mmCIF file of all heavy atoms, coordinates in Angstrom:
data_MODEL
# 
_entry.id   MODEL 
# 
loop_
_atom_site.group_PDB 
_atom_site.id 
_atom_site.type_symbol 
_atom_site.label_atom_id 
_atom_site.label_alt_id 
_atom_site.label_comp_id 
_atom_site.label_asym_id 
_atom_site.label_entity_id 
_atom_site.label_seq_id 
_atom_site.pdbx_PDB_ins_code 
_atom_site.Cartn_x 
_atom_site.Cartn_y 
_atom_site.Cartn_z 
_atom_site.occupancy 
_atom_site.B_iso_or_equiv 
_atom_site.pdbx_formal_charge 
_atom_site.auth_seq_id 
_atom_site.auth_comp_id 
_atom_site.auth_asym_id 
_atom_site.auth_atom_id 
_atom_site.pdbx_PDB_model_num 
ATOM 1   N N   . TYR A 1 1  ? 167.979 43.854 167.362 1.00 0.00 ? 1  TYR A N   1 
ATOM 2   C CA  . TYR A 1 1  ? 167.917 45.168 168.056 1.00 0.00 ? 1  TYR A CA  1 
ATOM 3   C C   . TYR A 1 1  ? 169.320 45.758 168.147 1.00 0.00 ? 1  TYR A C   1 
ATOM 4   O O   . TYR A 1 1  ? 170.197 45.155 168.762 1.00 0.00 ? 1  TYR A O   1 
ATOM 5   C CB  . TYR A 1 1  ? 167.246 44.991 169.443 1.00 0.00 ? 1  TYR A CB  1 
ATOM 6   C CG  . TYR A 1 1  ? 167.369 46.087 170.411 1.00 0.00 ? 1  TYR A CG  1 
ATOM 7   C CD1 . TYR A 1 1  ? 166.878 47.346 170.115 1.00 0.00 ? 1  TYR A CD1 1 
ATOM 8   C CD2 . TYR A 1 1  ? 167.983 45.906 171.641 1.00 0.00 ? 1  TYR A CD2 1 
ATOM 9   C CE1 . TYR A 1 1  ? 167.021 48.378 170.995 1.00 0.00 ? 1  TYR A CE1 1 
ATOM 10  C CE2 . TYR A 1 1  ? 168.075 46.918 172.593 1.00 0.00 ? 1  TYR A CE2 1 
ATOM 11  C CZ  . TYR A 1 1  ? 167.610 48.180 172.239 1.00 0.00 ? 1  TYR A CZ  1 
ATOM 12  O OH  . TYR A 1 1  ? 167.702 49.184 173.172 1.00 0.00 ? 1  TYR A OH  1 
ATOM 13  N N   . CYS A 1 2  ? 169.462 46.929 167.630 1.00 0.00 ? 2  CYS A N   1 
ATOM 14  C CA  . CYS A 1 2  ? 170.744 47.701 167.659 1.00 0.00 ? 2  CYS A CA  1 
ATOM 15  C C   . CYS A 1 2  ? 171.879 46.800 167.092 1.00 0.00 ? 2  CYS A C   1 
ATOM 16  O O   . CYS A 1 2  ? 173.049 46.923 167.511 1.00 0.00 ? 2  CYS A O   1 
ATOM 17  C CB  . CYS A 1 2  ? 171.116 48.059 169.061 1.00 0.00 ? 2  CYS A CB  1 
ATOM 18  S SG  . CYS A 1 2  ? 170.032 49.333 169.773 1.00 0.00 ? 2  CYS A SG  1 
ATOM 19  N N   . GLY A 1 3  ? 171.584 45.977 166.144 1.00 0.00 ? 3  GLY A N   1 
ATOM 20  C CA  . GLY A 1 3  ? 172.535 45.000 165.577 1.00 0.00 ? 3  GLY A CA  1 
ATOM 21  C C   . GLY A 1 3  ? 173.540 45.647 164.693 1.00 0.00 ? 3  GLY A C   1 
ATOM 22  O O   . GLY A 1 3  ? 174.539 44.988 164.326 1.00 0.00 ? 3  GLY A O   1 
ATOM 23  N N   . SER A 1 4  ? 173.477 46.985 164.393 1.00 0.00 ? 4  SER A N   1 
ATOM 24  C CA  . SER A 1 4  ? 174.421 47.554 163.530 1.00 0.00 ? 4  SER A CA  1 
ATOM 25  C C   . SER A 1 4  ? 175.637 48.120 164.268 1.00 0.00 ? 4  SER A C   1 
ATOM 26  O O   . SER A 1 4  ? 176.640 48.647 163.688 1.00 0.00 ? 4  SER A O   1 
ATOM 27  C CB  . SER A 1 4  ? 173.773 48.739 162.723 1.00 0.00 ? 4  SER A CB  1 
ATOM 28  O OG  . SER A 1 4  ? 173.343 49.737 163.679 1.00 0.00 ? 4  SER A OG  1 
ATOM 29  N N   . GLY A 1 5  ? 175.639 48.021 165.554 1.00 0.00 ? 5  GLY A N   1 
ATOM 30  C CA  . GLY A 1 5  ? 176.762 48.562 166.350 1.00 0.00 ? 5  GLY A CA  1 
ATOM 31  C C   . GLY A 1 5  ? 176.972 47.789 167.642 1.00 0.00 ? 5  GLY A C   1 
ATOM 32  O O   . GLY A 1 5  ? 176.417 46.680 167.869 1.00 0.00 ? 5  GLY A O   1 
ATOM 33  N N   . ASP A 1 6  ? 177.758 48.342 168.566 1.00 0.00 ? 6  ASP A N   1 
ATOM 34  C CA  . ASP A 1 6  ? 178.127 47.710 169.763 1.00 0.00 ? 6  ASP A CA  1 
ATOM 35  C C   . ASP A 1 6  ? 177.114 48.081 170.945 1.00 0.00 ? 6  ASP A C   1 
ATOM 36  O O   . ASP A 1 6  ? 177.494 48.689 171.864 1.00 0.00 ? 6  ASP A O   1 
ATOM 37  C CB  . ASP A 1 6  ? 179.554 48.124 170.172 1.00 0.00 ? 6  ASP A CB  1 
ATOM 38  C CG  . ASP A 1 6  ? 180.572 47.672 169.115 1.00 0.00 ? 6  ASP A CG  1 
ATOM 39  O OD1 . ASP A 1 6  ? 180.350 46.630 168.468 1.00 0.00 ? 6  ASP A OD1 1 
ATOM 40  O OD2 . ASP A 1 6  ? 181.597 48.436 168.981 1.00 0.00 ? 6  ASP A OD2 1 
ATOM 41  N N   . ALA A 1 7  ? 175.882 47.737 170.637 1.00 0.00 ? 7  ALA A N   1 
ATOM 42  C CA  . ALA A 1 7  ? 174.819 48.037 171.628 1.00 0.00 ? 7  ALA A CA  1 
ATOM 43  C C   . ALA A 1 7  ? 173.758 46.928 171.467 1.00 0.00 ? 7  ALA A C   1 
ATOM 44  O O   . ALA A 1 7  ? 173.763 46.129 170.520 1.00 0.00 ? 7  ALA A O   1 
ATOM 45  C CB  . ALA A 1 7  ? 174.259 49.434 171.392 1.00 0.00 ? 7  ALA A CB  1 
ATOM 46  N N   . GLY A 1 8  ? 172.817 46.941 172.404 1.00 0.00 ? 8  GLY A N   1 
ATOM 47  C CA  . GLY A 1 8  ? 171.684 45.993 172.297 1.00 0.00 ? 8  GLY A CA  1 
ATOM 48  C C   . GLY A 1 8  ? 172.162 44.580 172.123 1.00 0.00 ? 8  GLY A C   1 
ATOM 49  O O   . GLY A 1 8  ? 173.038 44.129 172.778 1.00 0.00 ? 8  GLY A O   1 
ATOM 50  N N   . ALA A 1 9  ? 171.468 43.936 171.152 1.00 0.00 ? 9  ALA A N   1 
ATOM 51  C CA  . ALA A 1 9  ? 171.738 42.476 170.918 1.00 0.00 ? 9  ALA A CA  1 
ATOM 52  C C   . ALA A 1 9  ? 172.901 42.289 169.909 1.00 0.00 ? 9  ALA A C   1 
ATOM 53  O O   . ALA A 1 9  ? 173.272 41.136 169.648 1.00 0.00 ? 9  ALA A O   1 
ATOM 54  C CB  . ALA A 1 9  ? 170.484 41.775 170.341 1.00 0.00 ? 9  ALA A CB  1 
ATOM 55  N N   . GLY A 1 10 ? 173.447 43.420 169.372 1.00 0.00 ? 10 GLY A N   1 
ATOM 56  C CA  . GLY A 1 10 ? 174.438 43.268 168.308 1.00 0.00 ? 10 GLY A CA  1 
ATOM 57  C C   . GLY A 1 10 ? 175.642 42.431 168.595 1.00 0.00 ? 10 GLY A C   1 
ATOM 58  O O   . GLY A 1 10 ? 175.960 41.452 167.945 1.00 0.00 ? 10 GLY A O   1 
ATOM 59  N N   . PRO A 1 11 ? 176.443 42.746 169.678 1.00 0.00 ? 11 PRO A N   1 
ATOM 60  C CA  . PRO A 1 11 ? 177.645 41.989 169.955 1.00 0.00 ? 11 PRO A CA  1 
ATOM 61  C C   . PRO A 1 11 ? 177.358 40.468 170.272 1.00 0.00 ? 11 PRO A C   1 
ATOM 62  O O   . PRO A 1 11 ? 178.071 39.612 169.753 1.00 0.00 ? 11 PRO A O   1 
ATOM 63  C CB  . PRO A 1 11 ? 178.220 42.649 171.181 1.00 0.00 ? 11 PRO A CB  1 
ATOM 64  C CG  . PRO A 1 11 ? 177.769 44.025 171.055 1.00 0.00 ? 11 PRO A CG  1 
ATOM 65  C CD  . PRO A 1 11 ? 176.364 43.975 170.531 1.00 0.00 ? 11 PRO A CD  1 
ATOM 66  N N   . ALA A 1 12 ? 176.372 40.196 171.057 1.00 0.00 ? 12 ALA A N   1 
ATOM 67  C CA  . ALA A 1 12 ? 176.019 38.830 171.384 1.00 0.00 ? 12 ALA A CA  1 
ATOM 68  C C   . ALA A 1 12 ? 175.638 38.020 170.154 1.00 0.00 ? 12 ALA A C   1 
ATOM 69  O O   . ALA A 1 12 ? 175.918 36.894 169.969 1.00 0.00 ? 12 ALA A O   1 
ATOM 70  C CB  . ALA A 1 12 ? 174.981 38.711 172.467 1.00 0.00 ? 12 ALA A CB  1 
ATOM 71  N N   . PHE A 1 13 ? 174.770 38.713 169.252 1.00 0.00 ? 13 PHE A N   1 
ATOM 72  C CA  . PHE A 1 13 ? 174.355 38.118 167.984 1.00 0.00 ? 13 PHE A CA  1 
ATOM 73  C C   . PHE A 1 13 ? 175.562 37.785 167.170 1.00 0.00 ? 13 PHE A C   1 
ATOM 74  O O   . PHE A 1 13 ? 175.682 36.687 166.516 1.00 0.00 ? 13 PHE A O   1 
ATOM 75  C CB  . PHE A 1 13 ? 173.416 38.975 167.295 1.00 0.00 ? 13 PHE A CB  1 
ATOM 76  C CG  . PHE A 1 13 ? 172.910 38.385 166.001 1.00 0.00 ? 13 PHE A CG  1 
ATOM 77  C CD1 . PHE A 1 13 ? 171.808 37.404 166.032 1.00 0.00 ? 13 PHE A CD1 1 
ATOM 78  C CD2 . PHE A 1 13 ? 173.428 38.699 164.809 1.00 0.00 ? 13 PHE A CD2 1 
ATOM 79  C CE1 . PHE A 1 13 ? 171.338 36.873 164.829 1.00 0.00 ? 13 PHE A CE1 1 
ATOM 80  C CE2 . PHE A 1 13 ? 172.989 38.145 163.632 1.00 0.00 ? 13 PHE A CE2 1 
ATOM 81  C CZ  . PHE A 1 13 ? 171.904 37.232 163.624 1.00 0.00 ? 13 PHE A CZ  1 
ATOM 82  N N   . ASP A 1 14 ? 176.557 38.709 167.056 1.00 0.00 ? 14 ASP A N   1 
ATOM 83  C CA  . ASP A 1 14 ? 177.747 38.497 166.249 1.00 0.00 ? 14 ASP A CA  1 
ATOM 84  C C   . ASP A 1 14 ? 178.488 37.299 166.772 1.00 0.00 ? 14 ASP A C   1 
ATOM 85  O O   . ASP A 1 14 ? 179.090 36.532 165.989 1.00 0.00 ? 14 ASP A O   1 
ATOM 86  C CB  . ASP A 1 14 ? 178.611 39.749 166.275 1.00 0.00 ? 14 ASP A CB  1 
ATOM 87  C CG  . ASP A 1 14 ? 178.031 40.888 165.515 1.00 0.00 ? 14 ASP A CG  1 
ATOM 88  O OD1 . ASP A 1 14 ? 177.090 40.624 164.705 1.00 0.00 ? 14 ASP A OD1 1 
ATOM 89  O OD2 . ASP A 1 14 ? 178.435 42.078 165.771 1.00 0.00 ? 14 ASP A OD2 1 
ATOM 90  N N   . PHE A 1 15 ? 178.527 37.108 168.100 1.00 0.00 ? 15 PHE A N   1 
ATOM 91  C CA  . PHE A 1 15 ? 179.262 35.977 168.671 1.00 0.00 ? 15 PHE A CA  1 
ATOM 92  C C   . PHE A 1 15 ? 178.533 34.636 168.358 1.00 0.00 ? 15 PHE A C   1 
ATOM 93  O O   . PHE A 1 15 ? 179.202 33.673 168.033 1.00 0.00 ? 15 PHE A O   1 
ATOM 94  C CB  . PHE A 1 15 ? 179.498 36.202 170.166 1.00 0.00 ? 15 PHE A CB  1 
ATOM 95  C CG  . PHE A 1 15 ? 180.183 35.063 170.821 1.00 0.00 ? 15 PHE A CG  1 
ATOM 96  C CD1 . PHE A 1 15 ? 181.621 34.962 170.810 1.00 0.00 ? 15 PHE A CD1 1 
ATOM 97  C CD2 . PHE A 1 15 ? 179.555 34.016 171.462 1.00 0.00 ? 15 PHE A CD2 1 
ATOM 98  C CE1 . PHE A 1 15 ? 182.291 33.986 171.333 1.00 0.00 ? 15 PHE A CE1 1 
ATOM 99  C CE2 . PHE A 1 15 ? 180.188 32.945 172.060 1.00 0.00 ? 15 PHE A CE2 1 
ATOM 100 C CZ  . PHE A 1 15 ? 181.588 32.909 171.971 1.00 0.00 ? 15 PHE A CZ  1 
ATOM 101 N N   . TYR A 1 16 ? 177.225 34.630 168.632 1.00 0.00 ? 16 TYR A N   1 
ATOM 102 C CA  . TYR A 1 16 ? 176.540 33.318 168.537 1.00 0.00 ? 16 TYR A CA  1 
ATOM 103 C C   . TYR A 1 16 ? 176.022 32.961 167.153 1.00 0.00 ? 16 TYR A C   1 
ATOM 104 O O   . TYR A 1 16 ? 175.893 31.809 166.861 1.00 0.00 ? 16 TYR A O   1 
ATOM 105 C CB  . TYR A 1 16 ? 175.342 33.358 169.541 1.00 0.00 ? 16 TYR A CB  1 
ATOM 106 C CG  . TYR A 1 16 ? 175.682 33.194 170.939 1.00 0.00 ? 16 TYR A CG  1 
ATOM 107 C CD1 . TYR A 1 16 ? 175.773 34.269 171.798 1.00 0.00 ? 16 TYR A CD1 1 
ATOM 108 C CD2 . TYR A 1 16 ? 176.079 31.950 171.444 1.00 0.00 ? 16 TYR A CD2 1 
ATOM 109 C CE1 . TYR A 1 16 ? 176.100 34.115 173.202 1.00 0.00 ? 16 TYR A CE1 1 
ATOM 110 C CE2 . TYR A 1 16 ? 176.438 31.738 172.777 1.00 0.00 ? 16 TYR A CE2 1 
ATOM 111 C CZ  . TYR A 1 16 ? 176.452 32.822 173.641 1.00 0.00 ? 16 TYR A CZ  1 
ATOM 112 O OH  . TYR A 1 16 ? 176.862 32.653 174.916 1.00 0.00 ? 16 TYR A OH  1 
ATOM 113 N N   . SER A 1 17 ? 175.714 33.953 166.273 1.00 0.00 ? 17 SER A N   1 
ATOM 114 C CA  . SER A 1 17 ? 175.094 33.632 165.035 1.00 0.00 ? 17 SER A CA  1 
ATOM 115 C C   . SER A 1 17 ? 175.782 32.692 164.138 1.00 0.00 ? 17 SER A C   1 
ATOM 116 O O   . SER A 1 17 ? 175.145 31.881 163.440 1.00 0.00 ? 17 SER A O   1 
ATOM 117 C CB  . SER A 1 17 ? 174.762 34.977 164.260 1.00 0.00 ? 17 SER A CB  1 
ATOM 118 O OG  . SER A 1 17 ? 175.936 35.644 163.991 1.00 0.00 ? 17 SER A OG  1 
ATOM 119 N N   . PRO A 1 18 ? 177.168 32.642 164.113 1.00 0.00 ? 18 PRO A N   1 
ATOM 120 C CA  . PRO A 1 18 ? 177.808 31.646 163.256 1.00 0.00 ? 18 PRO A CA  1 
ATOM 121 C C   . PRO A 1 18 ? 177.442 30.153 163.601 1.00 0.00 ? 18 PRO A C   1 
ATOM 122 O O   . PRO A 1 18 ? 177.458 29.300 162.740 1.00 0.00 ? 18 PRO A O   1 
ATOM 123 C CB  . PRO A 1 18 ? 179.305 31.846 163.557 1.00 0.00 ? 18 PRO A CB  1 
ATOM 124 C CG  . PRO A 1 18 ? 179.419 33.322 163.898 1.00 0.00 ? 18 PRO A CG  1 
ATOM 125 C CD  . PRO A 1 18 ? 178.158 33.552 164.670 1.00 0.00 ? 18 PRO A CD  1 
ATOM 126 N N   . ARG A 1 19 ? 176.988 29.909 164.857 1.00 0.00 ? 19 ARG A N   1 
ATOM 127 C CA  . ARG A 1 19 ? 176.612 28.567 165.187 1.00 0.00 ? 19 ARG A CA  1 
ATOM 128 C C   . ARG A 1 19 ? 175.300 28.116 164.531 1.00 0.00 ? 19 ARG A C   1 
ATOM 129 O O   . ARG A 1 19 ? 174.991 26.916 164.353 1.00 0.00 ? 19 ARG A O   1 
ATOM 130 C CB  . ARG A 1 19 ? 176.359 28.505 166.771 1.00 0.00 ? 19 ARG A CB  1 
ATOM 131 C CG  . ARG A 1 19 ? 177.536 28.772 167.623 1.00 0.00 ? 19 ARG A CG  1 
ATOM 132 C CD  . ARG A 1 19 ? 177.202 28.633 169.080 1.00 0.00 ? 19 ARG A CD  1 
ATOM 133 N NE  . ARG A 1 19 ? 178.250 29.087 169.936 1.00 0.00 ? 19 ARG A NE  1 
ATOM 134 C CZ  . ARG A 1 19 ? 178.263 28.914 171.253 1.00 0.00 ? 19 ARG A CZ  1 
ATOM 135 N NH1 . ARG A 1 19 ? 177.170 28.362 171.825 1.00 0.00 ? 19 ARG A NH1 1 
ATOM 136 N NH2 . ARG A 1 19 ? 179.289 29.369 172.015 1.00 0.00 ? 19 ARG A NH2 1 
ATOM 137 N N   . TYR A 1 20 ? 174.496 29.129 164.118 1.00 0.00 ? 20 TYR A N   1 
ATOM 138 C CA  . TYR A 1 20 ? 173.096 28.825 163.584 1.00 0.00 ? 20 TYR A CA  1 
ATOM 139 C C   . TYR A 1 20 ? 172.945 29.024 162.096 1.00 0.00 ? 20 TYR A C   1 
ATOM 140 O O   . TYR A 1 20 ? 172.001 28.710 161.522 1.00 0.00 ? 20 TYR A O   1 
ATOM 141 C CB  . TYR A 1 20 ? 172.116 29.676 164.425 1.00 0.00 ? 20 TYR A CB  1 
ATOM 142 C CG  . TYR A 1 20 ? 172.168 29.399 165.872 1.00 0.00 ? 20 TYR A CG  1 
ATOM 143 C CD1 . TYR A 1 20 ? 172.871 30.273 166.757 1.00 0.00 ? 20 TYR A CD1 1 
ATOM 144 C CD2 . TYR A 1 20 ? 171.580 28.305 166.437 1.00 0.00 ? 20 TYR A CD2 1 
ATOM 145 C CE1 . TYR A 1 20 ? 172.984 30.035 168.016 1.00 0.00 ? 20 TYR A CE1 1 
ATOM 146 C CE2 . TYR A 1 20 ? 171.596 28.035 167.784 1.00 0.00 ? 20 TYR A CE2 1 
ATOM 147 C CZ  . TYR A 1 20 ? 172.367 28.934 168.570 1.00 0.00 ? 20 TYR A CZ  1 
ATOM 148 O OH  . TYR A 1 20 ? 172.483 28.677 169.935 1.00 0.00 ? 20 TYR A OH  1 
ATOM 149 N N   . ASP A 1 21 ? 174.015 29.580 161.520 1.00 0.00 ? 21 ASP A N   1 
ATOM 150 C CA  . ASP A 1 21 ? 174.107 29.668 160.078 1.00 0.00 ? 21 ASP A CA  1 
ATOM 151 C C   . ASP A 1 21 ? 172.905 30.309 159.410 1.00 0.00 ? 21 ASP A C   1 
ATOM 152 O O   . ASP A 1 21 ? 172.306 29.782 158.468 1.00 0.00 ? 21 ASP A O   1 
ATOM 153 C CB  . ASP A 1 21 ? 174.352 28.292 159.468 1.00 0.00 ? 21 ASP A CB  1 
ATOM 154 C CG  . ASP A 1 21 ? 174.834 28.328 158.031 1.00 0.00 ? 21 ASP A CG  1 
ATOM 155 O OD1 . ASP A 1 21 ? 175.478 29.268 157.638 1.00 0.00 ? 21 ASP A OD1 1 
ATOM 156 O OD2 . ASP A 1 21 ? 174.565 27.323 157.237 1.00 0.00 ? 21 ASP A OD2 1 
ATOM 157 N N   . PHE A 1 22 ? 172.446 31.471 159.914 1.00 0.00 ? 22 PHE A N   1 
ATOM 158 C CA  . PHE A 1 22 ? 171.377 32.166 159.290 1.00 0.00 ? 22 PHE A CA  1 
ATOM 159 C C   . PHE A 1 22 ? 171.821 32.785 158.011 1.00 0.00 ? 22 PHE A C   1 
ATOM 160 O O   . PHE A 1 22 ? 172.936 33.268 157.861 1.00 0.00 ? 22 PHE A O   1 
ATOM 161 C CB  . PHE A 1 22 ? 170.852 33.312 160.216 1.00 0.00 ? 22 PHE A CB  1 
ATOM 162 C CG  . PHE A 1 22 ? 170.292 32.886 161.544 1.00 0.00 ? 22 PHE A CG  1 
ATOM 163 C CD1 . PHE A 1 22 ? 170.961 33.147 162.753 1.00 0.00 ? 22 PHE A CD1 1 
ATOM 164 C CD2 . PHE A 1 22 ? 169.112 32.159 161.543 1.00 0.00 ? 22 PHE A CD2 1 
ATOM 165 C CE1 . PHE A 1 22 ? 170.340 32.728 163.928 1.00 0.00 ? 22 PHE A CE1 1 
ATOM 166 C CE2 . PHE A 1 22 ? 168.553 31.714 162.722 1.00 0.00 ? 22 PHE A CE2 1 
ATOM 167 C CZ  . PHE A 1 22 ? 169.177 32.006 163.952 1.00 0.00 ? 22 PHE A CZ  1 
ATOM 168 N N   . PRO A 1 23 ? 170.982 32.731 156.962 1.00 0.00 ? 23 PRO A N   1 
ATOM 169 C CA  . PRO A 1 23 ? 171.322 33.380 155.698 1.00 0.00 ? 23 PRO A CA  1 
ATOM 170 C C   . PRO A 1 23 ? 171.701 34.869 155.903 1.00 0.00 ? 23 PRO A C   1 
ATOM 171 O O   . PRO A 1 23 ? 170.993 35.597 156.593 1.00 0.00 ? 23 PRO A O   1 
ATOM 172 C CB  . PRO A 1 23 ? 170.100 33.211 154.830 1.00 0.00 ? 23 PRO A CB  1 
ATOM 173 C CG  . PRO A 1 23 ? 169.354 32.043 155.419 1.00 0.00 ? 23 PRO A CG  1 
ATOM 174 C CD  . PRO A 1 23 ? 169.645 32.164 156.905 1.00 0.00 ? 23 PRO A CD  1 
ATOM 175 N N   . VAL A 1 24 ? 172.750 35.281 155.373 1.00 0.00 ? 24 VAL A N   1 
ATOM 176 C CA  . VAL A 1 24 ? 173.241 36.652 155.572 1.00 0.00 ? 24 VAL A CA  1 
ATOM 177 C C   . VAL A 1 24 ? 172.168 37.681 155.111 1.00 0.00 ? 24 VAL A C   1 
ATOM 178 O O   . VAL A 1 24 ? 171.948 38.648 155.801 1.00 0.00 ? 24 VAL A O   1 
ATOM 179 C CB  . VAL A 1 24 ? 174.595 36.883 154.703 1.00 0.00 ? 24 VAL A CB  1 
ATOM 180 C CG1 . VAL A 1 24 ? 174.965 38.419 154.805 1.00 0.00 ? 24 VAL A CG1 1 
ATOM 181 C CG2 . VAL A 1 24 ? 175.634 36.029 155.192 1.00 0.00 ? 24 VAL A CG2 1 
ATOM 182 N N   . GLU A 1 25 ? 171.500 37.427 154.054 1.00 0.00 ? 25 GLU A N   1 
ATOM 183 C CA  . GLU A 1 25 ? 170.463 38.311 153.530 1.00 0.00 ? 25 GLU A CA  1 
ATOM 184 C C   . GLU A 1 25 ? 169.188 38.388 154.402 1.00 0.00 ? 25 GLU A C   1 
ATOM 185 O O   . GLU A 1 25 ? 168.405 39.352 154.251 1.00 0.00 ? 25 GLU A O   1 
ATOM 186 C CB  . GLU A 1 25 ? 170.095 37.961 152.055 1.00 0.00 ? 25 GLU A CB  1 
ATOM 187 C CG  . GLU A 1 25 ? 169.361 36.641 151.890 1.00 0.00 ? 25 GLU A CG  1 
ATOM 188 C CD  . GLU A 1 25 ? 170.373 35.413 151.821 1.00 0.00 ? 25 GLU A CD  1 
ATOM 189 O OE1 . GLU A 1 25 ? 171.514 35.679 152.038 1.00 0.00 ? 25 GLU A OE1 1 
ATOM 190 O OE2 . GLU A 1 25 ? 169.795 34.329 151.512 1.00 0.00 ? 25 GLU A OE2 1 
ATOM 191 N N   . SER A 1 26 ? 169.081 37.422 155.285 1.00 0.00 ? 26 SER A N   1 
ATOM 192 C CA  . SER A 1 26 ? 167.920 37.415 156.146 1.00 0.00 ? 26 SER A CA  1 
ATOM 193 C C   . SER A 1 26 ? 168.032 38.176 157.409 1.00 0.00 ? 26 SER A C   1 
ATOM 194 O O   . SER A 1 26 ? 167.094 38.412 158.208 1.00 0.00 ? 26 SER A O   1 
ATOM 195 C CB  . SER A 1 26 ? 167.547 35.944 156.513 1.00 0.00 ? 26 SER A CB  1 
ATOM 196 O OG  . SER A 1 26 ? 168.500 35.393 157.451 1.00 0.00 ? 26 SER A OG  1 
ATOM 197 N N   . VAL A 1 27 ? 169.282 38.608 157.729 1.00 0.00 ? 27 VAL A N   1 
ATOM 198 C CA  . VAL A 1 27 ? 169.547 39.302 158.964 1.00 0.00 ? 27 VAL A CA  1 
ATOM 199 C C   . VAL A 1 27 ? 169.378 40.793 158.754 1.00 0.00 ? 27 VAL A C   1 
ATOM 200 O O   . VAL A 1 27 ? 170.010 41.516 157.912 1.00 0.00 ? 27 VAL A O   1 
ATOM 201 C CB  . VAL A 1 27 ? 171.003 39.042 159.463 1.00 0.00 ? 27 VAL A CB  1 
ATOM 202 C CG1 . VAL A 1 27 ? 171.311 39.860 160.746 1.00 0.00 ? 27 VAL A CG1 1 
ATOM 203 C CG2 . VAL A 1 27 ? 171.156 37.526 159.771 1.00 0.00 ? 27 VAL A CG2 1 
ATOM 204 N N   . ILE A 1 28 ? 168.496 41.393 159.559 1.00 0.00 ? 28 ILE A N   1 
ATOM 205 C CA  . ILE A 1 28 ? 168.269 42.860 159.504 1.00 0.00 ? 28 ILE A CA  1 
ATOM 206 C C   . ILE A 1 28 ? 168.877 43.464 160.763 1.00 0.00 ? 28 ILE A C   1 
ATOM 207 O O   . ILE A 1 28 ? 168.442 43.190 161.940 1.00 0.00 ? 28 ILE A O   1 
ATOM 208 C CB  . ILE A 1 28 ? 166.784 43.240 159.472 1.00 0.00 ? 28 ILE A CB  1 
ATOM 209 C CG1 . ILE A 1 28 ? 166.130 42.498 158.277 1.00 0.00 ? 28 ILE A CG1 1 
ATOM 210 C CG2 . ILE A 1 28 ? 166.535 44.723 159.483 1.00 0.00 ? 28 ILE A CG2 1 
ATOM 211 C CD1 . ILE A 1 28 ? 164.590 42.600 158.301 1.00 0.00 ? 28 ILE A CD1 1 
# 
């Protein structure tokens, strides 16, 4: 949600996602 900018879940996802190694192409 709102992952394309500094709103919604975007910033927190950017911080935490490297821990979970989701495939880049799978992230919308």
